[in-house]
């Protein structure tokens, strides 16, 4: 027996699309800031973002939307001194 996923309301779908755009913009901005500072290794990225290296790398590279990504990316941007 398979369970159907609950359907998202139009408002939830709209919010997910908006969140996805925000995450893309933040990932690009954070990636540029790290590159400009010469921070390229996973360990250095993790240190710069204040999280374990693997978690930082996944946050910046994953393609699938996950709950909490926007908040984590915003916190990373603030830590790097980026402004919206």
PDB file of N, CA and C in Angstrom:
ATOM      1  N   UNK A   1       0.849  -1.176   0.000  1.00  0.00           N
ATOM      2  CA  UNK A   1       0.000   0.000   0.000  1.00  0.00           C
ATOM      3  C   UNK A   1       0.899   1.245   0.000  1.00  0.00           C
ATOM      4  N   UNK A   2       0.709   2.105  -0.957  1.00  0.00           N
ATOM      5  CA  UNK A   2       1.499   3.332  -1.023  1.00  0.00           C
ATOM      6  C   UNK A   2       0.685   4.500  -0.494  1.00  0.00           C
ATOM      7  N   UNK A   3       1.390   5.381   0.185  1.00  0.00           N
ATOM      8  CA  UNK A   3       0.718   6.577   0.685  1.00  0.00           C
ATOM      9  C   UNK A   3       0.960   7.722  -0.290  1.00  0.00           C
ATOM     10  N   UNK A   4      -0.106   8.442  -0.581  1.00  0.00           N
ATOM     11  CA  UNK A   4       0.031   9.598  -1.457  1.00  0.00           C
ATOM     12  C   UNK A   4       0.605  10.752  -0.666  1.00  0.00           C
ATOM     13  N   UNK A   5       1.465  11.511  -1.334  1.00  0.00           N
ATOM     14  CA  UNK A   5       1.996  12.712  -0.691  1.00  0.00           C
ATOM     15  C   UNK A   5       0.876  13.737  -0.607  1.00  0.00           C
ATOM     16  N   UNK A   6       0.813  14.467   0.494  1.00  0.00           N
ATOM     17  CA  UNK A   6      -0.222  15.510   0.561  1.00  0.00           C
ATOM     18  C   UNK A   6       0.081  16.598  -0.469  1.00  0.00           C
ATOM     19  N   UNK A   7      -0.960  17.029  -1.120  1.00  0.00           N
ATOM     20  CA  UNK A   7      -0.805  18.076  -2.131  1.00  0.00           C
ATOM     21  C   UNK A   7      -0.564  19.413  -1.455  1.00  0.00           C
ATOM     22  N   UNK A   8       0.331  20.210  -2.048  1.00  0.00           N
ATOM     23  CA  UNK A   8       0.591  21.551  -1.532  1.00  0.00           C
ATOM     24  C   UNK A   8      -0.502  22.491  -2.012  1.00  0.00           C
ATOM     25  N   UNK A   9      -0.876  23.396  -1.144  1.00  0.00           N
ATOM     26  CA  UNK A   9      -1.845  24.410  -1.539  1.00  0.00           C
ATOM     27  C   UNK A   9      -1.163  25.380  -2.498  1.00  0.00           C
ATOM     28  N   UNK A  10      -1.927  26.140  -3.259  1.00  0.00           N
ATOM     29  CA  UNK A  10      -1.308  27.135  -4.145  1.00  0.00           C
ATOM     30  C   UNK A  10      -0.392  28.105  -3.383  1.00  0.00           C
ATOM     31  N   UNK A  11      -0.783  28.482  -2.182  1.00  0.00           N
ATOM     32  CA  UNK A  11       0.057  29.390  -1.386  1.00  0.00           C
ATOM     33  C   UNK A  11       1.369  28.715  -0.998  1.00  0.00           C
ATOM     34  N   UNK A  12       1.316  27.437  -0.645  1.00  0.00           N
ATOM     35  CA  UNK A  12       2.536  26.698  -0.298  1.00  0.00           C
ATOM     36  C   UNK A  12       3.428  26.523  -1.521  1.00  0.00           C
ATOM     37  N   UNK A  13       2.826  26.260  -2.669  1.00  0.00           N
ATOM     38  CA  UNK A  13       3.603  26.135  -3.908  1.00  0.00           C
ATOM     39  C   UNK A  13       4.298  27.452  -4.236  1.00  0.00           C
ATOM     40  N   UNK A  14       3.592  28.558  -4.086  1.00  0.00           N
ATOM     41  CA  UNK A  14       4.150  29.881  -4.357  1.00  0.00           C
ATOM     42  C   UNK A  14       5.317  30.160  -3.406  1.00  0.00           C
ATOM     43  N   UNK A  15       5.146  29.824  -2.125  1.00  0.00           N
ATOM     44  CA  UNK A  15       6.201  30.045  -1.140  1.00  0.00           C
ATOM     45  C   UNK A  15       7.433  29.210  -1.457  1.00  0.00           C
ATOM     46  N   UNK A  16       7.228  27.978  -1.889  1.00  0.00           N
ATOM     47  CA  UNK A  16       8.363  27.116  -2.256  1.00  0.00           C
ATOM     48  C   UNK A  16       9.119  27.701  -3.442  1.00  0.00           C
ATOM     49  N   UNK A  17       8.389  28.216  -4.437  1.00  0.00           N
ATOM     50  CA  UNK A  17       9.047  28.837  -5.598  1.00  0.00           C
ATOM     51  C   UNK A  17       9.849  30.041  -5.175  1.00  0.00           C
ATOM     52  N   UNK A  18       9.271  30.883  -4.306  1.00  0.00           N
ATOM     53  CA  UNK A  18       9.975  32.065  -3.821  1.00  0.00           C
ATOM     54  C   UNK A  18      11.214  31.662  -3.023  1.00  0.00           C
ATOM     55  N   UNK A  19      11.072  30.658  -2.165  1.00  0.00           N
ATOM     56  CA  UNK A  19      12.215  30.169  -1.391  1.00  0.00           C
ATOM     57  C   UNK A  19      13.310  29.635  -2.303  1.00  0.00           C
ATOM     58  N   UNK A  20      12.911  28.944  -3.355  1.00  0.00           N
ATOM     59  CA  UNK A  20      13.898  28.383  -4.290  1.00  0.00           C
ATOM     60  C   UNK A  20      14.692  29.500  -4.962  1.00  0.00           C
ATOM     61  N   UNK A  21      14.015  30.570  -5.363  1.00  0.00           N
ATOM     62  CA  UNK A  21      14.721  31.692  -5.970  1.00  0.00           C
ATOM     63  C   UNK A  21      15.674  32.357  -4.975  1.00  0.00           C
ATOM     64  N   UNK A  22      15.228  32.502  -3.745  1.00  0.00           N
ATOM     65  CA  UNK A  22      16.074  33.101  -2.711  1.00  0.00           C
ATOM     66  C   UNK A  22      17.308  32.236  -2.477  1.00  0.00           C
ATOM     67  N   UNK A  23      17.119  30.903  -2.418  1.00  0.00           N
ATOM     68  CA  UNK A  23      18.268  30.027  -2.178  1.00  0.00           C
ATOM     69  C   UNK A  23      19.261  30.095  -3.327  1.00  0.00           C
ATOM     70  N   UNK A  24      18.775  30.167  -4.545  1.00  0.00           N
ATOM     71  CA  UNK A  24      19.668  30.266  -5.701  1.00  0.00           C
ATOM     72  C   UNK A  24      20.487  31.554  -5.616  1.00  0.00           C
ATOM     73  N   UNK A  25      19.822  32.661  -5.337  1.00  0.00           N
ATOM     74  CA  UNK A  25      20.529  33.945  -5.247  1.00  0.00           C
ATOM     75  C   UNK A  25      21.552  33.942  -4.113  1.00  0.00           C
ATOM     76  N   UNK A  26      21.168  33.403  -2.971  1.00  0.00           N
ATOM     77  CA  UNK A  26      22.091  33.350  -1.836  1.00  0.00           C
ATOM     78  C   UNK A  26      23.277  32.442  -2.122  1.00  0.00           C
ATOM     79  N   UNK A  27      23.029  31.292  -2.736  1.00  0.00           N
ATOM     80  CA  UNK A  27      24.136  30.385  -3.060  1.00  0.00           C
ATOM     81  C   UNK A  27      25.131  31.040  -4.009  1.00  0.00           C
ATOM     82  N   UNK A  28      24.629  31.765  -4.983  1.00  0.00           N
ATOM     83  CA  UNK A  28      25.511  32.463  -5.919  1.00  0.00           C
ATOM     84  C   UNK A  28      26.309  33.534  -5.190  1.00  0.00           C
ATOM     85  N   UNK A  29      25.655  34.342  -4.378  1.00  0.00           N
ATOM     86  CA  UNK A  29      26.337  35.417  -3.653  1.00  0.00           C
ATOM     87  C   UNK A  29      27.380  34.860  -2.688  1.00  0.00           C
ATOM     88  N   UNK A  30      27.017  33.808  -1.962  1.00  0.00           N
ATOM     89  CA  UNK A  30      27.947  33.201  -1.015  1.00  0.00           C
ATOM     90  C   UNK A  30      29.123  32.580  -1.767  1.00  0.00           C
ATOM     91  N   UNK A  31      28.843  31.888  -2.862  1.00  0.00           N
ATOM     92  CA  UNK A  31      29.911  31.287  -3.667  1.00  0.00           C
ATOM     93  C   UNK A  31      30.889  32.330  -4.184  1.00  0.00           C
ATOM     94  N   UNK A  32      30.379  33.449  -4.661  1.00  0.00           N
ATOM     95  CA  UNK A  32      31.249  34.528  -5.142  1.00  0.00           C
ATOM     96  C   UNK A  32      32.085  35.104  -4.012  1.00  0.00           C
ATOM     97  N   UNK A  33      31.466  35.321  -2.860  1.00  0.00           N
ATOM     98  CA  UNK A  33      32.189  35.886  -1.720  1.00  0.00           C
ATOM     99  C   UNK A  33      33.304  34.953  -1.275  1.00  0.00           C
ATOM    100  N   UNK A  34      33.011  33.674  -1.235  1.00  0.00           N
ATOM    101  CA  UNK A  34      34.043  32.709  -0.842  1.00  0.00           C
ATOM    102  C   UNK A  34      35.167  32.671  -1.860  1.00  0.00           C
ATOM    103  N   UNK A  35      34.809  32.676  -3.139  1.00  0.00           N
ATOM    104  CA  UNK A  35      35.810  32.652  -4.198  1.00  0.00           C
ATOM    105  C   UNK A  35      36.673  33.912  -4.172  1.00  0.00           C
ATOM    106  N   UNK A  36      36.047  35.069  -3.961  1.00  0.00           N
ATOM    107  CA  UNK A  36      36.792  36.326  -3.894  1.00  0.00           C
ATOM    108  C   UNK A  36      37.806  36.330  -2.757  1.00  0.00           C
ATOM    109  N   UNK A  37      37.494  35.591  -1.703  1.00  0.00           N
ATOM    110  CA  UNK A  37      38.387  35.507  -0.535  1.00  0.00           C
ATOM    111  C   UNK A  37      39.375  34.353  -0.644  1.00  0.00           C
ATOM    112  N   UNK A  38      39.306  33.615  -1.750  1.00  0.00           N
ATOM    113  CA  UNK A  38      40.214  32.497  -1.951  1.00  0.00           C
ATOM    114  C   UNK A  38      39.878  31.280  -1.105  1.00  0.00           C
ATOM    115  N   UNK A  39      38.642  31.204  -0.661  1.00  0.00           N
ATOM    116  CA  UNK A  39      38.193  30.081   0.173  1.00  0.00           C
ATOM    117  C   UNK A  39      37.585  29.038  -0.757  1.00  0.00           C
ATOM    118  N   UNK A  40      38.314  27.928  -0.954  1.00  0.00           N
ATOM    119  CA  UNK A  40      37.851  26.944  -1.928  1.00  0.00           C
ATOM    120  C   UNK A  40      37.757  25.533  -1.384  1.00  0.00           C
ATOM    121  N   UNK A  41      38.475  25.202  -0.323  1.00  0.00           N
ATOM    122  CA  UNK A  41      38.423  23.831   0.191  1.00  0.00           C
ATOM    123  C   UNK A  41      37.191  23.649   1.068  1.00  0.00           C
ATOM    124  N   UNK A  42      36.722  22.420   1.156  1.00  0.00           N
ATOM    125  CA  UNK A  42      35.538  22.127   1.961  1.00  0.00           C
ATOM    126  C   UNK A  42      35.756  22.539   3.415  1.00  0.00           C
ATOM    127  N   UNK A  43      36.931  22.254   3.944  1.00  0.00           N
ATOM    128  CA  UNK A  43      37.219  22.598   5.338  1.00  0.00           C
ATOM    129  C   UNK A  43      37.179  24.109   5.552  1.00  0.00           C
ATOM    130  N   UNK A  44      37.762  24.856   4.628  1.00  0.00           N
ATOM    131  CA  UNK A  44      37.783  26.321   4.748  1.00  0.00           C
ATOM    132  C   UNK A  44      36.380  26.905   4.588  1.00  0.00           C
ATOM    133  N   UNK A  45      35.589  26.332   3.697  1.00  0.00           N
ATOM    134  CA  UNK A  45      34.208  26.791   3.512  1.00  0.00           C
ATOM    135  C   UNK A  45      33.408  26.549   4.779  1.00  0.00           C
ATOM    136  N   UNK A  46      33.553  25.365   5.354  1.00  0.00           N
ATOM    137  CA  UNK A  46      32.862  25.050   6.598  1.00  0.00           C
ATOM    138  C   UNK A  46      33.255  26.005   7.708  1.00  0.00           C
ATOM    139  N   UNK A  47      34.537  26.293   7.811  1.00  0.00           N
ATOM    140  CA  UNK A  47      35.013  27.225   8.841  1.00  0.00           C
ATOM    141  C   UNK A  47      34.453  28.626   8.608  1.00  0.00           C
ATOM    142  N   UNK A  48      34.453  29.072   7.361  1.00  0.00           N
ATOM    143  CA  UNK A  48      33.947  30.411   7.040  1.00  0.00           C
ATOM    144  C   UNK A  48      32.459  30.538   7.336  1.00  0.00           C
ATOM    145  N   UNK A  49      31.715  29.450   7.145  1.00  0.00           N
ATOM    146  CA  UNK A  49      30.264  29.486   7.365  1.00  0.00           C
ATOM    147  C   UNK A  49      29.881  29.058   8.772  1.00  0.00           C
ATOM    148  N   UNK A  50      30.849  28.599   9.540  1.00  0.00           N
ATOM    149  CA  UNK A  50      30.580  28.211  10.922  1.00  0.00           C
ATOM    150  C   UNK A  50      29.791  26.923  11.064  1.00  0.00           C
ATOM    151  N   UNK A  51      30.082  25.961  10.194  1.00  0.00           N
ATOM    152  CA  UNK A  51      29.400  24.665  10.262  1.00  0.00           C
ATOM    153  C   UNK A  51      30.356  23.589   9.780  1.00  0.00           C
ATOM    154  N   UNK A  52      30.035  22.317  10.038  1.00  0.00           N
ATOM    155  CA  UNK A  52      30.898  21.240   9.545  1.00  0.00           C
ATOM    156  C   UNK A  52      31.070  21.323   8.026  1.00  0.00           C
ATOM    157  N   UNK A  53      32.251  20.932   7.550  1.00  0.00           N
ATOM    158  CA  UNK A  53      32.580  21.052   6.130  1.00  0.00           C
ATOM    159  C   UNK A  53      31.564  20.361   5.228  1.00  0.00           C
ATOM    160  N   UNK A  54      31.196  19.144   5.563  1.00  0.00           N
ATOM    161  CA  UNK A  54      30.240  18.404   4.730  1.00  0.00           C
ATOM    162  C   UNK A  54      28.886  19.073   4.670  1.00  0.00           C
ATOM    163  N   UNK A  55      28.428  19.561   5.800  1.00  0.00           N
ATOM    164  CA  UNK A  55      27.134  20.240   5.856  1.00  0.00           C
ATOM    165  C   UNK A  55      27.165  21.529   5.030  1.00  0.00           C
ATOM    166  N   UNK A  56      28.257  22.279   5.130  1.00  0.00           N
ATOM    167  CA  UNK A  56      28.388  23.525   4.373  1.00  0.00           C
ATOM    168  C   UNK A  56      28.400  23.250   2.874  1.00  0.00           C
ATOM    169  N   UNK A  57      29.139  22.226   2.475  1.00  0.00           N
ATOM    170  CA  UNK A  57      29.223  21.879   1.058  1.00  0.00           C
ATOM    171  C   UNK A  57      27.855  21.462   0.524  1.00  0.00           C
ATOM    172  N   UNK A  58      27.148  20.634   1.285  1.00  0.00           N
ATOM    173  CA  UNK A  58      25.809  20.203   0.858  1.00  0.00           C
ATOM    174  C   UNK A  58      24.858  21.383   0.761  1.00  0.00           C
ATOM    175  N   UNK A  59      24.924  22.290   1.726  1.00  0.00           N
ATOM    176  CA  UNK A  59      24.045  23.456   1.720  1.00  0.00           C
ATOM    177  C   UNK A  59      24.246  24.295   0.462  1.00  0.00           C
ATOM    178  N   UNK A  60      25.491  24.426   0.033  1.00  0.00           N
ATOM    179  CA  UNK A  60      25.791  25.274  -1.124  1.00  0.00           C
ATOM    180  C   UNK A  60      25.596  24.576  -2.462  1.00  0.00           C
ATOM    181  N   UNK A  61      25.510  23.242  -2.468  1.00  0.00           N
ATOM    182  CA  UNK A  61      25.453  22.537  -3.756  1.00  0.00           C
ATOM    183  C   UNK A  61      24.187  21.749  -4.010  1.00  0.00           C
ATOM    184  N   UNK A  62      23.400  21.470  -2.991  1.00  0.00           N
ATOM    185  CA  UNK A  62      22.229  20.608  -3.222  1.00  0.00           C
ATOM    186  C   UNK A  62      21.207  21.296  -4.125  1.00  0.00           C
ATOM    187  N   UNK A  63      20.535  20.469  -4.895  1.00  0.00           N
ATOM    188  CA  UNK A  63      19.549  20.960  -5.858  1.00  0.00           C
ATOM    189  C   UNK A  63      18.120  20.835  -5.332  1.00  0.00           C
ATOM    190  N   UNK A  64      17.912  19.925  -4.400  1.00  0.00           N
ATOM    191  CA  UNK A  64      16.563  19.680  -3.897  1.00  0.00           C
ATOM    192  C   UNK A  64      16.235  20.648  -2.755  1.00  0.00           C
ATOM    193  N   UNK A  65      15.027  21.177  -2.779  1.00  0.00           N
ATOM    194  CA  UNK A  65      14.577  22.100  -1.741  1.00  0.00           C
ATOM    195  C   UNK A  65      14.461  21.357  -0.433  1.00  0.00           C
ATOM    196  N   UNK A  66      14.944  21.981   0.633  1.00  0.00           N
ATOM    197  CA  UNK A  66      14.805  21.410   1.967  1.00  0.00           C
ATOM    198  C   UNK A  66      14.365  22.495   2.927  1.00  0.00           C
ATOM    199  N   UNK A  67      13.525  22.106   3.855  1.00  0.00           N
ATOM    200  CA  UNK A  67      13.055  23.019   4.900  1.00  0.00           C
ATOM    201  C   UNK A  67      14.268  23.559   5.657  1.00  0.00           C
ATOM    202  N   UNK A  68      14.336  24.865   5.829  1.00  0.00           N
ATOM    203  CA  UNK A  68      15.403  25.481   6.608  1.00  0.00           C
ATOM    204  C   UNK A  68      16.584  25.977   5.797  1.00  0.00           C
ATOM    205  N   UNK A  69      16.641  25.642   4.504  1.00  0.00           N
ATOM    206  CA  UNK A  69      17.769  26.090   3.684  1.00  0.00           C
ATOM    207  C   UNK A  69      17.863  27.607   3.618  1.00  0.00           C
ATOM    208  N   UNK A  70      16.729  28.276   3.447  1.00  0.00           N
ATOM    209  CA  UNK A  70      16.745  29.734   3.325  1.00  0.00           C
ATOM    210  C   UNK A  70      17.369  30.354   4.572  1.00  0.00           C
ATOM    211  N   UNK A  71      16.936  29.893   5.729  1.00  0.00           N
ATOM    212  CA  UNK A  71      17.439  30.453   6.984  1.00  0.00           C
ATOM    213  C   UNK A  71      18.935  30.193   7.149  1.00  0.00           C
ATOM    214  N   UNK A  72      19.380  28.975   6.818  1.00  0.00           N
ATOM    215  CA  UNK A  72      20.798  28.650   6.935  1.00  0.00           C
ATOM    216  C   UNK A  72      21.636  29.490   5.977  1.00  0.00           C
ATOM    217  N   UNK A  73      21.156  29.656   4.755  1.00  0.00           N
ATOM    218  CA  UNK A  73      21.890  30.451   3.773  1.00  0.00           C
ATOM    219  C   UNK A  73      21.914  31.928   4.173  1.00  0.00           C
ATOM    220  N   UNK A  74      20.812  32.431   4.715  1.00  0.00           N
ATOM    221  CA  UNK A  74      20.787  33.822   5.171  1.00  0.00           C
ATOM    222  C   UNK A  74      21.789  34.016   6.305  1.00  0.00           C
ATOM    223  N   UNK A  75      21.858  33.070   7.225  1.00  0.00           N
ATOM    224  CA  UNK A  75      22.804  33.157   8.333  1.00  0.00           C
ATOM    225  C   UNK A  75      24.246  33.129   7.814  1.00  0.00           C
ATOM    226  N   UNK A  76      24.504  32.288   6.821  1.00  0.00           N
ATOM    227  CA  UNK A  76      25.841  32.213   6.230  1.00  0.00           C
ATOM    228  C   UNK A  76      26.194  33.538   5.553  1.00  0.00           C
ATOM    229  N   UNK A  77      25.229  34.131   4.851  1.00  0.00           N
ATOM    230  CA  UNK A  77      25.470  35.408   4.175  1.00  0.00           C
ATOM    231  C   UNK A  77      25.798  36.499   5.190  1.00  0.00           C
ATOM    232  N   UNK A  78      25.065  36.522   6.288  1.00  0.00           N
ATOM    233  CA  UNK A  78      25.330  37.510   7.336  1.00  0.00           C
ATOM    234  C   UNK A  78      26.723  37.298   7.912  1.00  0.00           C
ATOM    235  N   UNK A  79      27.086  36.042   8.148  1.00  0.00           N
ATOM    236  CA  UNK A  79      28.404  35.719   8.700  1.00  0.00           C
ATOM    237  C   UNK A  79      29.519  36.215   7.768  1.00  0.00           C
ATOM    238  N   UNK A  80      29.274  36.183   6.463  1.00  0.00           N
ATOM    239  CA  UNK A  80      30.257  36.649   5.489  1.00  0.00           C
ATOM    240  C   UNK A  80      30.188  38.151   5.251  1.00  0.00           C
ATOM    241  N   UNK A  81      29.219  38.797   5.869  1.00  0.00           N
ATOM    242  CA  UNK A  81      29.081  40.251   5.719  1.00  0.00           C
ATOM    243  C   UNK A  81      28.371  40.678   4.459  1.00  0.00           C
ATOM    244  N   UNK A  82      27.603  39.765   3.869  1.00  0.00           N
ATOM    245  CA  UNK A  82      26.862  40.107   2.653  1.00  0.00           C
ATOM    246  C   UNK A  82      25.557  40.777   3.030  1.00  0.00           C
ATOM    247  N   UNK A  83      25.137  41.732   2.228  1.00  0.00           N
ATOM    248  CA  UNK A  83      23.864  42.410   2.458  1.00  0.00           C
ATOM    249  C   UNK A  83      22.932  42.125   1.295  1.00  0.00           C
ATOM    250  N   UNK A  84      21.658  42.147   1.588  1.00  0.00           N
ATOM    251  CA  UNK A  84      20.660  41.848   0.549  1.00  0.00           C
ATOM    252  C   UNK A  84      20.481  42.988  -0.414  1.00  0.00           C
TER     253      UNK A  84
END
